[in-house]
Amino acid sequence: MRSEESSGHLEQLLATPLTRTRFAGSYLVQAVLGSAVLVALLGATAATLHTTSPGGGGWWRVFSGALIGLPGIWLLTALAFVALAWLPRLDWLGWAFLGWVVVVDELGALLKFPGWLLKASPFAHLPKLPVEPMTWAPVLVITALAAVLVAIGFVGYRRRDMPVV
């Protein structure tokens, strides 16, 4: 979305009947559905490889283990959208959120981060399927939080001034 603004294309697009909400929504739909499709494909591949290996089994268990990360991905997408909508000069915050989550999730235990810091990632609250039992509360809370942030992002995106290039 930011590249459309900086290249001057957004001004031309918004001169048509296209609304800001539809423009931003088209990018969000791509992000949400695109991530879901990619995670589903990777999960299906991993599940198929697991079930065809010796001693493998439980295709759905492995597949659901991949899908459980989607609410966390959607929350990061929503955070990036809010940053772009309300603080366009700080659009890099979306990448900062992603970097933070990668460091905390992948290196946090190795670097012995304190427990409260490890829980700063949305993925820390999601069940670790197939090892842990499914608990719906964190999945629903993170998904709802992502939806609220998207709504806040839409409000900000409709209200902010668009740059003229």
C-alpha atoms as a PDB file:
ATOM      1  CA  MET A   1       0.000   0.000   0.000  1.00  0.00           C
ATOM      2  CA  ARG A   2       2.794   2.382   0.877  1.00  0.00           C
ATOM      3  CA  SER A   3       4.441   1.895  -2.519  1.00  0.00           C
ATOM      4  CA  GLU A   4       1.195   2.935  -4.215  1.00  0.00           C
ATOM      5  CA  GLU A   5       1.308   6.157  -2.214  1.00  0.00           C
ATOM      6  CA  SER A   6       4.965   6.957  -2.799  1.00  0.00           C
ATOM      7  CA  SER A   7       4.781   6.238  -6.534  1.00  0.00           C
ATOM      8  CA  GLY A   8       1.797   8.536  -7.021  1.00  0.00           C
ATOM      9  CA  HIS A   9      -0.524   5.747  -8.156  1.00  0.00           C
ATOM     10  CA  LEU A  10      -2.807   6.087  -5.161  1.00  0.00           C
ATOM     11  CA  GLU A  11      -3.766   9.642  -6.058  1.00  0.00           C
ATOM     12  CA  GLN A  12      -4.822   8.460  -9.515  1.00  0.00           C
ATOM     13  CA  LEU A  13      -6.716   5.489  -8.083  1.00  0.00           C
ATOM     14  CA  LEU A  14      -8.593   7.627  -5.579  1.00  0.00           C
ATOM     15  CA  ALA A  15      -9.623  10.017  -8.362  1.00  0.00           C
ATOM     16  CA  THR A  16     -11.841   7.165  -9.586  1.00  0.00           C
ATOM     17  CA  PRO A  17     -14.903   5.855  -7.704  1.00  0.00           C
ATOM     18  CA  LEU A  18     -12.550   3.621  -5.664  1.00  0.00           C
ATOM     19  CA  THR A  19     -12.864   4.435  -1.959  1.00  0.00           C
ATOM     20  CA  ARG A  20     -10.023   4.347   0.535  1.00  0.00           C
ATOM     21  CA  THR A  21     -11.798   1.546   2.372  1.00  0.00           C
ATOM     22  CA  ARG A  22     -12.030  -0.627  -0.733  1.00  0.00           C
ATOM     23  CA  PHE A  23      -8.417   0.129  -1.641  1.00  0.00           C
ATOM     24  CA  ALA A  24      -7.089  -0.785   1.805  1.00  0.00           C
ATOM     25  CA  GLY A  25      -9.506  -3.698   2.047  1.00  0.00           C
ATOM     26  CA  SER A  26      -8.198  -5.210  -1.164  1.00  0.00           C
ATOM     27  CA  TYR A  27      -4.695  -5.313   0.295  1.00  0.00           C
ATOM     28  CA  LEU A  28      -5.913  -6.728   3.595  1.00  0.00           C
ATOM     29  CA  VAL A  29      -7.921  -9.460   1.868  1.00  0.00           C
ATOM     30  CA  GLN A  30      -4.806 -10.423  -0.074  1.00  0.00           C
ATOM     31  CA  ALA A  31      -2.753 -10.525   3.121  1.00  0.00           C
ATOM     32  CA  VAL A  32      -5.285 -12.534   5.131  1.00  0.00           C
ATOM     33  CA  LEU A  33      -6.307 -14.991   2.417  1.00  0.00           C
ATOM     34  CA  GLY A  34      -2.799 -15.226   0.986  1.00  0.00           C
ATOM     35  CA  SER A  35      -1.326 -16.126   4.361  1.00  0.00           C
ATOM     36  CA  ALA A  36      -4.103 -18.663   4.957  1.00  0.00           C
ATOM     37  CA  VAL A  37      -3.527 -20.336   1.590  1.00  0.00           C
ATOM     38  CA  LEU A  38       0.250 -20.453   2.046  1.00  0.00           C
ATOM     39  CA  VAL A  39       0.035 -21.813   5.584  1.00  0.00           C
ATOM     40  CA  ALA A  40      -2.550 -24.392   4.477  1.00  0.00           C
ATOM     41  CA  LEU A  41      -0.355 -25.518   1.579  1.00  0.00           C
ATOM     42  CA  LEU A  42       2.730 -25.770   3.766  1.00  0.00           C
ATOM     43  CA  GLY A  43       0.748 -27.535   6.485  1.00  0.00           C
ATOM     44  CA  ALA A  44      -0.735 -30.006   3.999  1.00  0.00           C
ATOM     45  CA  THR A  45       2.717 -30.705   2.586  1.00  0.00           C
ATOM     46  CA  ALA A  46       4.215 -31.244   6.031  1.00  0.00           C
ATOM     47  CA  ALA A  47       1.281 -33.434   7.084  1.00  0.00           C
ATOM     48  CA  THR A  48       1.507 -35.535   3.930  1.00  0.00           C
ATOM     49  CA  LEU A  49       5.253 -36.005   4.317  1.00  0.00           C
ATOM     50  CA  HIS A  50       4.792 -36.902   7.971  1.00  0.00           C
ATOM     51  CA  THR A  51       2.083 -39.493   7.310  1.00  0.00           C
ATOM     52  CA  THR A  52       4.045 -41.146   4.507  1.00  0.00           C
ATOM     53  CA  SER A  53       7.208 -41.496   6.592  1.00  0.00           C
ATOM     54  CA  PRO A  54       7.807 -44.664   8.618  1.00  0.00           C
ATOM     55  CA  GLY A  55       5.953 -44.429  11.904  1.00  0.00           C
ATOM     56  CA  GLY A  56       4.067 -41.375  10.688  1.00  0.00           C
ATOM     57  CA  GLY A  57       0.405 -40.793  11.140  1.00  0.00           C
ATOM     58  CA  GLY A  58      -2.109 -38.186  12.146  1.00  0.00           C
ATOM     59  CA  TRP A  59      -2.392 -36.052   9.031  1.00  0.00           C
ATOM     60  CA  TRP A  60      -4.948 -33.715  10.647  1.00  0.00           C
ATOM     61  CA  ARG A  61      -2.814 -33.287  13.791  1.00  0.00           C
ATOM     62  CA  VAL A  62       0.138 -31.995  11.782  1.00  0.00           C
ATOM     63  CA  PHE A  63      -2.047 -29.890   9.479  1.00  0.00           C
ATOM     64  CA  SER A  64      -3.849 -28.239  12.409  1.00  0.00           C
ATOM     65  CA  GLY A  65      -0.460 -27.513  13.977  1.00  0.00           C
ATOM     66  CA  ALA A  66       0.303 -25.327  10.978  1.00  0.00           C
ATOM     67  CA  LEU A  67      -3.094 -23.622  10.870  1.00  0.00           C
ATOM     68  CA  ILE A  68      -2.969 -22.629  14.536  1.00  0.00           C
ATOM     69  CA  GLY A  69      -0.437 -19.907  13.711  1.00  0.00           C
ATOM     70  CA  LEU A  70      -2.826 -17.972  11.470  1.00  0.00           C
ATOM     71  CA  PRO A  71      -4.304 -15.746  14.209  1.00  0.00           C
ATOM     72  CA  GLY A  72      -0.784 -14.607  15.103  1.00  0.00           C
ATOM     73  CA  ILE A  73      -0.029 -13.830  11.467  1.00  0.00           C
ATOM     74  CA  TRP A  74      -3.282 -11.906  11.182  1.00  0.00           C
ATOM     75  CA  LEU A  75      -2.489  -9.935  14.335  1.00  0.00           C
ATOM     76  CA  LEU A  76       0.890  -8.901  12.908  1.00  0.00           C
ATOM     77  CA  THR A  77      -0.858  -7.892   9.674  1.00  0.00           C
ATOM     78  CA  ALA A  78      -3.359  -5.812  11.649  1.00  0.00           C
ATOM     79  CA  LEU A  79      -0.578  -4.116  13.635  1.00  0.00           C
ATOM     80  CA  ALA A  80       1.216  -3.213  10.415  1.00  0.00           C
ATOM     81  CA  PHE A  81      -2.019  -1.808   8.962  1.00  0.00           C
ATOM     82  CA  VAL A  82      -2.672   0.320  12.055  1.00  0.00           C
ATOM     83  CA  ALA A  83       0.875   1.693  11.873  1.00  0.00           C
ATOM     84  CA  LEU A  84       0.461   2.550   8.184  1.00  0.00           C
ATOM     85  CA  ALA A  85      -2.999   4.042   8.688  1.00  0.00           C
ATOM     86  CA  TRP A  86      -2.295   6.220  11.703  1.00  0.00           C
ATOM     87  CA  LEU A  87       1.460   6.826  11.453  1.00  0.00           C
ATOM     88  CA  PRO A  88       2.380   6.629   7.769  1.00  0.00           C
ATOM     89  CA  ARG A  89       5.926   7.854   8.358  1.00  0.00           C
ATOM     90  CA  LEU A  90       6.409   4.910  10.681  1.00  0.00           C
ATOM     91  CA  ASP A  91       5.220   2.322   8.185  1.00  0.00           C
ATOM     92  CA  TRP A  92       8.395   0.346   8.926  1.00  0.00           C
ATOM     93  CA  LEU A  93       6.825  -0.601  12.278  1.00  0.00           C
ATOM     94  CA  GLY A  94       5.158  -3.547  10.536  1.00  0.00           C
ATOM     95  CA  TRP A  95       8.580  -4.983   9.785  1.00  0.00           C
ATOM     96  CA  ALA A  96       9.733  -4.142  13.309  1.00  0.00           C
ATOM     97  CA  PHE A  97       6.805  -6.117  14.768  1.00  0.00           C
ATOM     98  CA  LEU A  98       7.707  -9.085  12.591  1.00  0.00           C
ATOM     99  CA  GLY A  99      11.388  -8.868  13.531  1.00  0.00           C
ATOM    100  CA  TRP A 100      10.493  -8.648  17.197  1.00  0.00           C
ATOM    101  CA  VAL A 101       8.320 -11.759  17.024  1.00  0.00           C
ATOM    102  CA  VAL A 102      10.989 -13.719  15.151  1.00  0.00           C
ATOM    103  CA  VAL A 103      13.661 -12.796  17.713  1.00  0.00           C
ATOM    104  CA  VAL A 104      11.435 -13.529  20.699  1.00  0.00           C
ATOM    105  CA  ASP A 105       9.976 -16.776  19.334  1.00  0.00           C
ATOM    106  CA  GLU A 106      13.088 -18.240  17.770  1.00  0.00           C
ATOM    107  CA  LEU A 107      15.851 -16.950  20.037  1.00  0.00           C
ATOM    108  CA  GLY A 108      14.074 -16.017  23.262  1.00  0.00           C
ATOM    109  CA  ALA A 109      14.547 -19.321  25.067  1.00  0.00           C
ATOM    110  CA  LEU A 110      18.108 -19.692  23.779  1.00  0.00           C
ATOM    111  CA  LEU A 111      19.053 -16.208  24.972  1.00  0.00           C
ATOM    112  CA  LYS A 112      17.146 -16.788  28.234  1.00  0.00           C
ATOM    113  CA  PHE A 113      14.746 -13.873  27.866  1.00  0.00           C
ATOM    114  CA  PRO A 114      12.525 -13.367  30.919  1.00  0.00           C
ATOM    115  CA  GLY A 115       9.127 -15.047  30.841  1.00  0.00           C
ATOM    116  CA  TRP A 116       7.166 -11.805  30.486  1.00  0.00           C
ATOM    117  CA  LEU A 117       9.210 -10.931  27.408  1.00  0.00           C
ATOM    118  CA  LEU A 118       8.616 -14.340  25.852  1.00  0.00           C
ATOM    119  CA  LYS A 119       4.876 -13.782  26.267  1.00  0.00           C
ATOM    120  CA  ALA A 120       5.091 -10.520  24.286  1.00  0.00           C
ATOM    121  CA  SER A 121       4.601 -12.527  21.097  1.00  0.00           C
ATOM    122  CA  PRO A 122       1.086 -13.475  20.001  1.00  0.00           C
ATOM    123  CA  PHE A 123       2.387 -16.921  19.078  1.00  0.00           C
ATOM    124  CA  ALA A 124       3.345 -17.582  22.719  1.00  0.00           C
ATOM    125  CA  HIS A 125      -0.334 -17.643  23.657  1.00  0.00           C
ATOM    126  CA  LEU A 126      -1.516 -19.980  20.907  1.00  0.00           C
ATOM    127  CA  PRO A 127      -1.660 -23.709  21.688  1.00  0.00           C
ATOM    128  CA  LYS A 128       1.347 -25.685  20.483  1.00  0.00           C
ATOM    129  CA  LEU A 129      -0.506 -28.252  18.405  1.00  0.00           C
ATOM    130  CA  PRO A 130      -0.183 -31.233  18.131  1.00  0.00           C
ATOM    131  CA  VAL A 131       1.822 -31.439  21.380  1.00  0.00           C
ATOM    132  CA  GLU A 132      -0.630 -29.488  23.562  1.00  0.00           C
ATOM    133  CA  PRO A 133      -4.412 -29.856  23.629  1.00  0.00           C
ATOM    134  CA  MET A 134      -6.493 -27.353  21.686  1.00  0.00           C
ATOM    135  CA  THR A 135      -7.683 -24.356  23.685  1.00  0.00           C
ATOM    136  CA  TRP A 136      -9.954 -21.990  21.799  1.00  0.00           C
ATOM    137  CA  ALA A 137      -9.845 -18.969  24.107  1.00  0.00           C
ATOM    138  CA  PRO A 138      -6.441 -17.597  23.020  1.00  0.00           C
ATOM    139  CA  VAL A 139      -7.206 -18.290  19.364  1.00  0.00           C
ATOM    140  CA  LEU A 140     -10.481 -16.383  19.557  1.00  0.00           C
ATOM    141  CA  VAL A 141      -8.999 -13.521  21.605  1.00  0.00           C
ATOM    142  CA  ILE A 142      -6.075 -12.998  19.218  1.00  0.00           C
ATOM    143  CA  THR A 143      -8.371 -13.210  16.186  1.00  0.00           C
ATOM    144  CA  ALA A 144     -10.798 -10.725  17.765  1.00  0.00           C
ATOM    145  CA  LEU A 145      -7.919  -8.400  18.648  1.00  0.00           C
ATOM    146  CA  ALA A 146      -6.738  -8.535  15.037  1.00  0.00           C
ATOM    147  CA  ALA A 147     -10.263  -7.675  13.844  1.00  0.00           C
ATOM    148  CA  VAL A 148     -10.482  -4.717  16.246  1.00  0.00           C
ATOM    149  CA  LEU A 149      -7.084  -3.445  15.100  1.00  0.00           C
ATOM    150  CA  VAL A 150      -8.161  -3.709  11.459  1.00  0.00           C
ATOM    151  CA  ALA A 151     -11.264  -1.653  12.272  1.00  0.00           C
ATOM    152  CA  ILE A 152      -9.082   0.947  14.010  1.00  0.00           C
ATOM    153  CA  GLY A 153      -6.796   0.919  10.987  1.00  0.00           C
ATOM    154  CA  PHE A 154      -9.705   1.575   8.627  1.00  0.00           C
ATOM    155  CA  VAL A 155     -10.777   4.569  10.716  1.00  0.00           C
ATOM    156  CA  GLY A 156      -7.274   5.995  10.577  1.00  0.00           C
ATOM    157  CA  TYR A 157      -6.826   5.283   6.891  1.00  0.00           C
ATOM    158  CA  ARG A 158     -10.075   7.057   5.996  1.00  0.00           C
ATOM    159  CA  ARG A 159      -9.141  10.105   8.076  1.00  0.00           C
ATOM    160  CA  ARG A 160      -5.527  10.697   7.170  1.00  0.00           C
ATOM    161  CA  ASP A 161      -4.219  12.966   4.470  1.00  0.00           C
ATOM    162  CA  MET A 162      -2.921  11.197   1.401  1.00  0.00           C
ATOM    163  CA  PRO A 163       0.414  12.442   0.115  1.00  0.00           C
ATOM    164  CA  VAL A 164       0.516  14.228  -3.215  1.00  0.00           C
ATOM    165  CA  VAL A 165       3.535  13.215  -5.255  1.00  0.00           C
END
